[in-house]
PDB file of N, CA and C in Angstrom:
ATOM      1  N   MET A   1      -2.469 -18.651 -17.141  1.00  0.00           N
ATOM      2  CA  MET A   1      -2.112 -17.415 -16.467  1.00  0.00           C
ATOM      3  C   MET A   1      -3.182 -17.097 -15.421  1.00  0.00           C
ATOM      4  N   ASN A   2      -2.747 -16.954 -14.181  1.00  0.00           N
ATOM      5  CA  ASN A   2      -3.701 -16.620 -13.130  1.00  0.00           C
ATOM      6  C   ASN A   2      -3.722 -15.106 -12.896  1.00  0.00           C
ATOM      7  N   ALA A   3      -4.576 -14.666 -11.994  1.00  0.00           N
ATOM      8  CA  ALA A   3      -4.772 -13.231 -11.765  1.00  0.00           C
ATOM      9  C   ALA A   3      -3.526 -12.558 -11.204  1.00  0.00           C
ATOM     10  N   TRP A   4      -2.730 -13.283 -10.429  1.00  0.00           N
ATOM     11  CA  TRP A   4      -1.543 -12.677  -9.819  1.00  0.00           C
ATOM     12  C   TRP A   4      -0.418 -12.458 -10.826  1.00  0.00           C
ATOM     13  N   ASP A   5      -0.425 -13.164 -11.945  1.00  0.00           N
ATOM     14  CA  ASP A   5       0.633 -12.990 -12.943  1.00  0.00           C
ATOM     15  C   ASP A   5       0.635 -11.576 -13.525  1.00  0.00           C
ATOM     16  N   ALA A   6      -0.504 -10.940 -13.581  1.00  0.00           N
ATOM     17  CA  ALA A   6      -0.569  -9.575 -14.097  1.00  0.00           C
ATOM     18  C   ALA A   6       0.182  -8.600 -13.200  1.00  0.00           C
ATOM     19  N   PHE A   7       0.346  -8.953 -11.916  1.00  0.00           N
ATOM     20  CA  PHE A   7       1.033  -8.086 -10.967  1.00  0.00           C
ATOM     21  C   PHE A   7       2.460  -8.535 -10.675  1.00  0.00           C
ATOM     22  N   ALA A   8       2.972  -9.482 -11.413  1.00  0.00           N
ATOM     23  CA  ALA A   8       4.303 -10.036 -11.144  1.00  0.00           C
ATOM     24  C   ALA A   8       5.394  -8.984 -11.275  1.00  0.00           C
ATOM     25  N   TRP A   9       5.219  -8.010 -12.153  1.00  0.00           N
ATOM     26  CA  TRP A   9       6.230  -6.978 -12.343  1.00  0.00           C
ATOM     27  C   TRP A   9       6.389  -6.097 -11.107  1.00  0.00           C
ATOM     28  N   MET A  10       5.385  -6.097 -10.220  1.00  0.00           N
ATOM     29  CA  MET A  10       5.436  -5.264  -9.025  1.00  0.00           C
ATOM     30  C   MET A  10       5.973  -6.018  -7.815  1.00  0.00           C
ATOM     31  N   ALA A  11       6.313  -7.261  -7.979  1.00  0.00           N
ATOM     32  CA  ALA A  11       6.835  -8.096  -6.890  1.00  0.00           C
ATOM     33  C   ALA A  11       5.875  -8.122  -5.698  1.00  0.00           C
ATOM     34  N   TRP A  12       4.576  -8.284  -5.978  1.00  0.00           N
ATOM     35  CA  TRP A  12       3.595  -8.366  -4.917  1.00  0.00           C
ATOM     36  C   TRP A  12       3.791  -9.653  -4.136  1.00  0.00           C
ATOM     37  N   THR A  13       3.645  -9.538  -2.840  1.00  0.00           N
ATOM     38  CA  THR A  13       3.603 -10.703  -1.964  1.00  0.00           C
ATOM     39  C   THR A  13       2.261 -10.658  -1.237  1.00  0.00           C
ATOM     40  N   TRP A  14       1.937 -11.716  -0.550  1.00  0.00           N
ATOM     41  CA  TRP A  14       0.672 -11.707   0.178  1.00  0.00           C
ATOM     42  C   TRP A  14       0.697 -10.650   1.282  1.00  0.00           C
ATOM     43  N   GLN A  15       1.898 -10.386   1.848  1.00  0.00           N
ATOM     44  CA  GLN A  15       2.006  -9.369   2.894  1.00  0.00           C
ATOM     45  C   GLN A  15       1.699  -7.976   2.333  1.00  0.00           C
ATOM     46  N   THR A  16       2.215  -7.703   1.130  1.00  0.00           N
ATOM     47  CA  THR A  16       1.968  -6.406   0.502  1.00  0.00           C
ATOM     48  C   THR A  16       0.490  -6.250   0.175  1.00  0.00           C
ATOM     49  N   ALA A  17      -0.094  -7.280  -0.377  1.00  0.00           N
ATOM     50  CA  ALA A  17      -1.521  -7.230  -0.707  1.00  0.00           C
ATOM     51  C   ALA A  17      -2.365  -7.052   0.552  1.00  0.00           C
ATOM     52  N   THR A  18      -2.008  -7.725   1.633  1.00  0.00           N
ATOM     53  CA  THR A  18      -2.734  -7.589   2.892  1.00  0.00           C
ATOM     54  C   THR A  18      -2.622  -6.172   3.438  1.00  0.00           C
ATOM     55  N   PHE A  19      -1.434  -5.589   3.340  1.00  0.00           N
ATOM     56  CA  PHE A  19      -1.222  -4.221   3.810  1.00  0.00           C
ATOM     57  C   PHE A  19      -2.136  -3.245   3.065  1.00  0.00           C
ATOM     58  N   PHE A  20      -2.141  -3.322   1.739  1.00  0.00           N
ATOM     59  CA  PHE A  20      -2.961  -2.398   0.967  1.00  0.00           C
ATOM     60  C   PHE A  20      -4.448  -2.683   1.135  1.00  0.00           C
ATOM     61  N   ALA A  21      -4.817  -3.922   1.333  1.00  0.00           N
ATOM     62  CA  ALA A  21      -6.220  -4.249   1.608  1.00  0.00           C
ATOM     63  C   ALA A  21      -6.643  -3.677   2.963  1.00  0.00           C
ATOM     64  N   ALA A  22      -5.751  -3.724   3.944  1.00  0.00           N
ATOM     65  CA  ALA A  22      -6.060  -3.156   5.262  1.00  0.00           C
ATOM     66  C   ALA A  22      -6.223  -1.645   5.175  1.00  0.00           C
ATOM     67  N   ILE A  23      -5.370  -0.973   4.406  1.00  0.00           N
ATOM     68  CA  ILE A  23      -5.503   0.479   4.231  1.00  0.00           C
ATOM     69  C   ILE A  23      -6.833   0.795   3.544  1.00  0.00           C
ATOM     70  N   ALA A  24      -7.174   0.047   2.513  1.00  0.00           N
ATOM     71  CA  ALA A  24      -8.445   0.258   1.816  1.00  0.00           C
ATOM     72  C   ALA A  24      -9.619   0.007   2.761  1.00  0.00           C
ATOM     73  N   GLY A  25      -9.520  -1.026   3.587  1.00  0.00           N
ATOM     74  CA  GLY A  25     -10.565  -1.309   4.561  1.00  0.00           C
ATOM     75  C   GLY A  25     -10.719  -0.192   5.582  1.00  0.00           C
ATOM     76  N   LEU A  26      -9.588   0.343   6.068  1.00  0.00           N
ATOM     77  CA  LEU A  26      -9.646   1.459   7.011  1.00  0.00           C
ATOM     78  C   LEU A  26     -10.308   2.681   6.380  1.00  0.00           C
ATOM     79  N   LEU A  27      -9.963   2.963   5.131  1.00  0.00           N
ATOM     80  CA  LEU A  27     -10.586   4.097   4.449  1.00  0.00           C
ATOM     81  C   LEU A  27     -12.086   3.872   4.255  1.00  0.00           C
ATOM     82  N   GLY A  28     -12.481   2.647   3.959  1.00  0.00           N
ATOM     83  CA  GLY A  28     -13.901   2.330   3.836  1.00  0.00           C
ATOM     84  C   GLY A  28     -14.638   2.505   5.149  1.00  0.00           C
ATOM     85  N   ILE A  29     -14.043   2.029   6.225  1.00  0.00           N
ATOM     86  CA  ILE A  29     -14.652   2.175   7.548  1.00  0.00           C
ATOM     87  C   ILE A  29     -14.767   3.642   7.923  1.00  0.00           C
ATOM     88  N   MET A  30     -13.706   4.420   7.649  1.00  0.00           N
ATOM     89  CA  MET A  30     -13.745   5.840   7.976  1.00  0.00           C
ATOM     90  C   MET A  30     -14.825   6.562   7.157  1.00  0.00           C
ATOM     91  N   THR A  31     -15.006   6.158   5.914  1.00  0.00           N
ATOM     92  CA  THR A  31     -16.053   6.753   5.079  1.00  0.00           C
ATOM     93  C   THR A  31     -17.429   6.441   5.639  1.00  0.00           C
ATOM     94  N   LEU A  32     -17.653   5.176   6.007  1.00  0.00           N
ATOM     95  CA  LEU A  32     -18.945   4.799   6.584  1.00  0.00           C
ATOM     96  C   LEU A  32     -19.199   5.532   7.898  1.00  0.00           C
ATOM     97  N   LEU A  33     -18.173   5.667   8.720  1.00  0.00           N
ATOM     98  CA  LEU A  33     -18.340   6.407   9.970  1.00  0.00           C
ATOM     99  C   LEU A  33     -18.682   7.870   9.711  1.00  0.00           C
ATOM    100  N   ALA A  34     -18.045   8.460   8.707  1.00  0.00           N
ATOM    101  CA  ALA A  34     -18.323   9.865   8.388  1.00  0.00           C
ATOM    102  C   ALA A  34     -19.752  10.049   7.892  1.00  0.00           C
ATOM    103  N   VAL A  35     -20.274   9.057   7.176  1.00  0.00           N
ATOM    104  CA  VAL A  35     -21.636   9.168   6.649  1.00  0.00           C
ATOM    105  C   VAL A  35     -22.670   8.931   7.750  1.00  0.00           C
ATOM    106  N   PHE A  36     -22.486   7.899   8.536  1.00  0.00           N
ATOM    107  CA  PHE A  36     -23.507   7.501   9.506  1.00  0.00           C
ATOM    108  C   PHE A  36     -23.321   8.085  10.901  1.00  0.00           C
ATOM    109  N   ARG A  37     -22.110   8.512  11.235  1.00  0.00           N
ATOM    110  CA  ARG A  37     -21.845   9.126  12.542  1.00  0.00           C
ATOM    111  C   ARG A  37     -20.957  10.343  12.356  1.00  0.00           C
ATOM    112  N   PRO A  38     -21.503  11.425  11.817  1.00  0.00           N
ATOM    113  CA  PRO A  38     -20.692  12.626  11.602  1.00  0.00           C
ATOM    114  C   PRO A  38     -20.066  13.103  12.909  1.00  0.00           C
ATOM    115  N   GLU A  39     -18.899  13.711  12.777  1.00  0.00           N
ATOM    116  CA  GLU A  39     -18.141  14.089  13.958  1.00  0.00           C
ATOM    117  C   GLU A  39     -17.693  15.533  13.827  1.00  0.00           C
ATOM    118  N   ALA A  40     -17.742  16.256  14.927  1.00  0.00           N
ATOM    119  CA  ALA A  40     -17.179  17.608  14.958  1.00  0.00           C
ATOM    120  C   ALA A  40     -15.693  17.494  15.307  1.00  0.00           C
ATOM    121  N   GLU A  41     -14.924  18.464  14.863  1.00  0.00           N
ATOM    122  CA  GLU A  41     -13.498  18.452  15.195  1.00  0.00           C
ATOM    123  C   GLU A  41     -13.324  18.589  16.696  1.00  0.00           C
ATOM    124  N   ARG A  42     -12.216  18.026  17.205  1.00  0.00           N
ATOM    125  CA  ARG A  42     -11.921  18.171  18.627  1.00  0.00           C
ATOM    126  C   ARG A  42     -10.455  18.557  18.782  1.00  0.00           C
ATOM    127  N   VAL A  43     -10.146  19.169  19.895  1.00  0.00           N
ATOM    128  CA  VAL A  43      -8.783  19.608  20.178  1.00  0.00           C
ATOM    129  C   VAL A  43      -8.223  18.699  21.262  1.00  0.00           C
ATOM    130  N   GLY A  44      -7.078  18.092  20.979  1.00  0.00           N
ATOM    131  CA  GLY A  44      -6.448  17.187  21.929  1.00  0.00           C
ATOM    132  C   GLY A  44      -5.134  17.740  22.449  1.00  0.00           C
ATOM    133  N   VAL A  45      -4.230  16.856  22.792  1.00  0.00           N
ATOM    134  CA  VAL A  45      -2.963  17.252  23.415  1.00  0.00           C
ATOM    135  C   VAL A  45      -2.054  18.038  22.475  1.00  0.00           C
ATOM    136  N   LEU A  46      -2.229  17.919  21.173  1.00  0.00           N
ATOM    137  CA  LEU A  46      -1.400  18.681  20.239  1.00  0.00           C
ATOM    138  C   LEU A  46      -1.855  20.123  20.116  1.00  0.00           C
ATOM    139  N   GLY A  47      -3.063  20.420  20.581  1.00  0.00           N
ATOM    140  CA  GLY A  47      -3.585  21.769  20.516  1.00  0.00           C
ATOM    141  C   GLY A  47      -4.126  22.154  19.147  1.00  0.00           C
ATOM    142  N   ILE A  48      -4.341  21.169  18.288  1.00  0.00           N
ATOM    143  CA  ILE A  48      -4.918  21.436  16.974  1.00  0.00           C
ATOM    144  C   ILE A  48      -6.234  20.678  16.861  1.00  0.00           C
ATOM    145  N   ALA A  49      -7.146  21.233  16.071  1.00  0.00           N
ATOM    146  CA  ALA A  49      -8.432  20.572  15.853  1.00  0.00           C
ATOM    147  C   ALA A  49      -8.240  19.428  14.860  1.00  0.00           C
ATOM    148  N   THR A  50      -8.693  18.234  15.217  1.00  0.00           N
ATOM    149  CA  THR A  50      -8.538  17.069  14.345  1.00  0.00           C
ATOM    150  C   THR A  50      -9.865  16.332  14.202  1.00  0.00           C
ATOM    151  N   THR A  51      -9.986  15.630  13.095  1.00  0.00           N
ATOM    152  CA  THR A  51     -11.117  14.739  12.851  1.00  0.00           C
ATOM    153  C   THR A  51     -10.598  13.309  12.889  1.00  0.00           C
ATOM    154  N   ARG A  52     -11.492  12.345  12.711  1.00  0.00           N
ATOM    155  CA  ARG A  52     -11.062  10.942  12.655  1.00  0.00           C
ATOM    156  C   ARG A  52     -10.045  10.720  11.545  1.00  0.00           C
ATOM    157  N   GLY A  53     -10.306  11.312  10.388  1.00  0.00           N
ATOM    158  CA  GLY A  53      -9.402  11.150   9.255  1.00  0.00           C
ATOM    159  C   GLY A  53      -8.020  11.706   9.541  1.00  0.00           C
ATOM    160  N   ASP A  54      -7.966  12.849  10.225  1.00  0.00           N
ATOM    161  CA  ASP A  54      -6.671  13.420  10.611  1.00  0.00           C
ATOM    162  C   ASP A  54      -5.930  12.484  11.551  1.00  0.00           C
ATOM    163  N   ARG A  55      -6.666  11.938  12.505  1.00  0.00           N
ATOM    164  CA  ARG A  55      -6.022  11.029  13.465  1.00  0.00           C
ATOM    165  C   ARG A  55      -5.574   9.738  12.794  1.00  0.00           C
ATOM    166  N   LEU A  56      -6.334   9.256  11.804  1.00  0.00           N
ATOM    167  CA  LEU A  56      -5.902   8.076  11.049  1.00  0.00           C
ATOM    168  C   LEU A  56      -4.611   8.385  10.299  1.00  0.00           C
ATOM    169  N   PHE A  57      -4.547   9.544   9.646  1.00  0.00           N
ATOM    170  CA  PHE A  57      -3.350   9.918   8.914  1.00  0.00           C
ATOM    171  C   PHE A  57      -2.147  10.029   9.841  1.00  0.00           C
ATOM    172  N   ILE A  58      -2.318  10.677  11.001  1.00  0.00           N
ATOM    173  CA  ILE A  58      -1.229  10.797  11.974  1.00  0.00           C
ATOM    174  C   ILE A  58      -0.788   9.418  12.442  1.00  0.00           C
ATOM    175  N   SER A  59      -1.743   8.512  12.659  1.00  0.00           N
ATOM    176  CA  SER A  59      -1.417   7.143  13.095  1.00  0.00           C
ATOM    177  C   SER A  59      -0.635   6.392  12.028  1.00  0.00           C
ATOM    178  N   LEU A  60      -1.072   6.481  10.774  1.00  0.00           N
ATOM    179  CA  LEU A  60      -0.379   5.774   9.692  1.00  0.00           C
ATOM    180  C   LEU A  60       1.016   6.336   9.466  1.00  0.00           C
ATOM    181  N   LEU A  61       1.149   7.654   9.515  1.00  0.00           N
ATOM    182  CA  LEU A  61       2.458   8.271   9.324  1.00  0.00           C
ATOM    183  C   LEU A  61       3.410   7.894  10.459  1.00  0.00           C
ATOM    184  N   GLY A  62       2.911   7.968  11.690  1.00  0.00           N
ATOM    185  CA  GLY A  62       3.740   7.580  12.831  1.00  0.00           C
ATOM    186  C   GLY A  62       4.117   6.112  12.795  1.00  0.00           C
ATOM    187  N   SER A  63       3.191   5.260  12.370  1.00  0.00           N
ATOM    188  CA  SER A  63       3.478   3.830  12.275  1.00  0.00           C
ATOM    189  C   SER A  63       4.562   3.545  11.237  1.00  0.00           C
ATOM    190  N   ALA A  64       4.532   4.301  10.144  1.00  0.00           N
ATOM    191  CA  ALA A  64       5.589   4.138   9.128  1.00  0.00           C
ATOM    192  C   ALA A  64       6.942   4.480   9.727  1.00  0.00           C
ATOM    193  N   PHE A  65       7.020   5.566  10.480  1.00  0.00           N
ATOM    194  CA  PHE A  65       8.289   5.944  11.108  1.00  0.00           C
ATOM    195  C   PHE A  65       8.716   4.938  12.170  1.00  0.00           C
ATOM    196  N   ILE A  66       7.768   4.413  12.924  1.00  0.00           N
ATOM    197  CA  ILE A  66       8.095   3.375  13.918  1.00  0.00           C
ATOM    198  C   ILE A  66       8.705   2.163  13.226  1.00  0.00           C
ATOM    199  N   HIS A  67       8.081   1.707  12.133  1.00  0.00           N
ATOM    200  CA  HIS A  67       8.598   0.541  11.416  1.00  0.00           C
ATOM    201  C   HIS A  67       9.953   0.814  10.781  1.00  0.00           C
ATOM    202  N   LEU A  68      10.138   1.982  10.197  1.00  0.00           N
ATOM    203  CA  LEU A  68      11.439   2.313   9.607  1.00  0.00           C
ATOM    204  C   LEU A  68      12.522   2.393  10.681  1.00  0.00           C
ATOM    205  N   GLY A  69      12.199   3.022  11.801  1.00  0.00           N
ATOM    206  CA  GLY A  69      13.157   3.078  12.901  1.00  0.00           C
ATOM    207  C   GLY A  69      13.489   1.701  13.428  1.00  0.00           C
ATOM    208  N   TRP A  70      12.482   0.847  13.532  1.00  0.00           N
ATOM    209  CA  TRP A  70      12.696  -0.523  14.012  1.00  0.00           C
ATOM    210  C   TRP A  70      13.613  -1.287  13.057  1.00  0.00           C
ATOM    211  N   LEU A  71      13.351  -1.148  11.764  1.00  0.00           N
ATOM    212  CA  LEU A  71      14.206  -1.813  10.775  1.00  0.00           C
ATOM    213  C   LEU A  71      15.644  -1.344  10.883  1.00  0.00           C
ATOM    214  N   GLY A  72      15.851  -0.056  11.079  1.00  0.00           N
ATOM    215  CA  GLY A  72      17.201   0.486  11.145  1.00  0.00           C
ATOM    216  C   GLY A  72      17.925   0.183  12.435  1.00  0.00           C
ATOM    217  N   LEU A  73      17.200   0.110  13.546  1.00  0.00           N
ATOM    218  CA  LEU A  73      17.851  -0.050  14.842  1.00  0.00           C
ATOM    219  C   LEU A  73      17.836  -1.478  15.379  1.00  0.00           C
ATOM    220  N   VAL A  74      16.776  -2.224  15.082  1.00  0.00           N
ATOM    221  CA  VAL A  74      16.616  -3.557  15.673  1.00  0.00           C
ATOM    222  C   VAL A  74      16.820  -4.660  14.641  1.00  0.00           C
ATOM    223  N   GLY A  75      16.153  -4.560  13.531  1.00  0.00           N
ATOM    224  CA  GLY A  75      16.269  -5.596  12.502  1.00  0.00           C
ATOM    225  C   GLY A  75      14.932  -5.911  11.864  1.00  0.00           C
ATOM    226  N   PRO A  76      14.899  -6.980  11.077  1.00  0.00           N
ATOM    227  CA  PRO A  76      13.729  -7.268  10.255  1.00  0.00           C
ATOM    228  C   PRO A  76      12.560  -7.950  10.972  1.00  0.00           C
ATOM    229  N   ASP A  77      12.665  -8.260  12.233  1.00  0.00           N
ATOM    230  CA  ASP A  77      11.546  -8.870  12.951  1.00  0.00           C
ATOM    231  C   ASP A  77      10.575  -7.761  13.354  1.00  0.00           C
ATOM    232  N   LEU A  78       9.519  -7.564  12.560  1.00  0.00           N
ATOM    233  CA  LEU A  78       8.650  -6.394  12.712  1.00  0.00           C
ATOM    234  C   LEU A  78       7.396  -6.624  13.549  1.00  0.00           C
ATOM    235  N   TRP A  79       7.228  -7.795  14.122  1.00  0.00           N
ATOM    236  CA  TRP A  79       6.011  -8.030  14.899  1.00  0.00           C
ATOM    237  C   TRP A  79       5.941  -7.124  16.119  1.00  0.00           C
ATOM    238  N   TRP A  80       7.077  -6.869  16.766  1.00  0.00           N
ATOM    239  CA  TRP A  80       7.081  -5.968  17.916  1.00  0.00           C
ATOM    240  C   TRP A  80       6.792  -4.541  17.468  1.00  0.00           C
ATOM    241  N   ALA A  81       7.335  -4.144  16.322  1.00  0.00           N
ATOM    242  CA  ALA A  81       7.056  -2.810  15.788  1.00  0.00           C
ATOM    243  C   ALA A  81       5.568  -2.666  15.470  1.00  0.00           C
ATOM    244  N   PHE A  82       4.959  -3.727  14.980  1.00  0.00           N
ATOM    245  CA  PHE A  82       3.520  -3.717  14.713  1.00  0.00           C
ATOM    246  C   PHE A  82       2.742  -3.492  16.002  1.00  0.00           C
ATOM    247  N   GLY A  83       3.137  -4.172  17.068  1.00  0.00           N
ATOM    248  CA  GLY A  83       2.483  -3.987  18.365  1.00  0.00           C
ATOM    249  C   GLY A  83       2.651  -2.570  18.891  1.00  0.00           C
ATOM    250  N   VAL A  84       3.857  -2.022  18.759  1.00  0.00           N
ATOM    251  CA  VAL A  84       4.108  -0.640  19.180  1.00  0.00           C
ATOM    252  C   VAL A  84       3.246   0.313  18.353  1.00  0.00           C
ATOM    253  N   SER A  85       3.132   0.045  17.063  1.00  0.00           N
ATOM    254  CA  SER A  85       2.322   0.892  16.180  1.00  0.00           C
ATOM    255  C   SER A  85       0.851   0.846  16.558  1.00  0.00           C
ATOM    256  N   LEU A  86       0.346  -0.321  16.915  1.00  0.00           N
ATOM    257  CA  LEU A  86      -1.049  -0.415  17.362  1.00  0.00           C
ATOM    258  C   LEU A  86      -1.267   0.391  18.632  1.00  0.00           C
ATOM    259  N   GLY A  87      -0.335   0.288  19.570  1.00  0.00           N
ATOM    260  CA  GLY A  87      -0.423   1.087  20.791  1.00  0.00           C
ATOM    261  C   GLY A  87      -0.366   2.575  20.506  1.00  0.00           C
ATOM    262  N   TYR A  88       0.495   2.960  19.559  1.00  0.00           N
ATOM    263  CA  TYR A  88       0.597   4.357  19.146  1.00  0.00           C
ATOM    264  C   TYR A  88      -0.718   4.835  18.540  1.00  0.00           C
ATOM    265  N   ALA A  89      -1.330   4.002  17.689  1.00  0.00           N
ATOM    266  CA  ALA A  89      -2.601   4.377  17.066  1.00  0.00           C
ATOM    267  C   ALA A  89      -3.699   4.544  18.101  1.00  0.00           C
ATOM    268  N   VAL A  90      -3.749   3.661  19.082  1.00  0.00           N
ATOM    269  CA  VAL A  90      -4.748   3.782  20.145  1.00  0.00           C
ATOM    270  C   VAL A  90      -4.529   5.087  20.916  1.00  0.00           C
ATOM    271  N   ALA A  91      -3.261   5.420  21.207  1.00  0.00           N
ATOM    272  CA  ALA A  91      -2.962   6.669  21.915  1.00  0.00           C
ATOM    273  C   ALA A  91      -3.357   7.881  21.083  1.00  0.00           C
ATOM    274  N   VAL A  92      -3.071   7.853  19.792  1.00  0.00           N
ATOM    275  CA  VAL A  92      -3.430   8.981  18.925  1.00  0.00           C
ATOM    276  C   VAL A  92      -4.942   9.150  18.879  1.00  0.00           C
ATOM    277  N   PHE A  93      -5.683   8.075  18.703  1.00  0.00           N
ATOM    278  CA  PHE A  93      -7.142   8.206  18.603  1.00  0.00           C
ATOM    279  C   PHE A  93      -7.784   8.607  19.925  1.00  0.00           C
ATOM    280  N   SER A  94      -7.133   8.311  21.042  1.00  0.00           N
ATOM    281  CA  SER A  94      -7.737   8.671  22.319  1.00  0.00           C
ATOM    282  C   SER A  94      -7.294  10.042  22.836  1.00  0.00           C
ATOM    283  N   MET A  95      -6.104  10.509  22.444  1.00  0.00           N
ATOM    284  CA  MET A  95      -5.594  11.756  23.023  1.00  0.00           C
ATOM    285  C   MET A  95      -5.422  12.910  22.045  1.00  0.00           C
ATOM    286  N   VAL A  96      -5.347  12.650  20.775  1.00  0.00           N
ATOM    287  CA  VAL A  96      -5.088  13.748  19.818  1.00  0.00           C
ATOM    288  C   VAL A  96      -6.411  14.297  19.309  1.00  0.00           C
TER     289      VAL A  96
END
């Protein structure tokens, strides 16, 4: 029995594991940035004060909607949706 057999009931794939590892990595990076480079809130185009963590949350939430919309309207080829999501995240971090 290998280590992945314990997770077989969850139908983990390497893509799922990579996704959750990336989220964990982003949270780790955001924590390190908060400790070593504290940031004051700023007001962007939405007119609300946001921090890095707020902008990360907005980016992740928007990316989920982009991917769901892509699945519903275009189909299962999600590489373009991933590219759109990266562009969306860059826009959120620079303007919000």
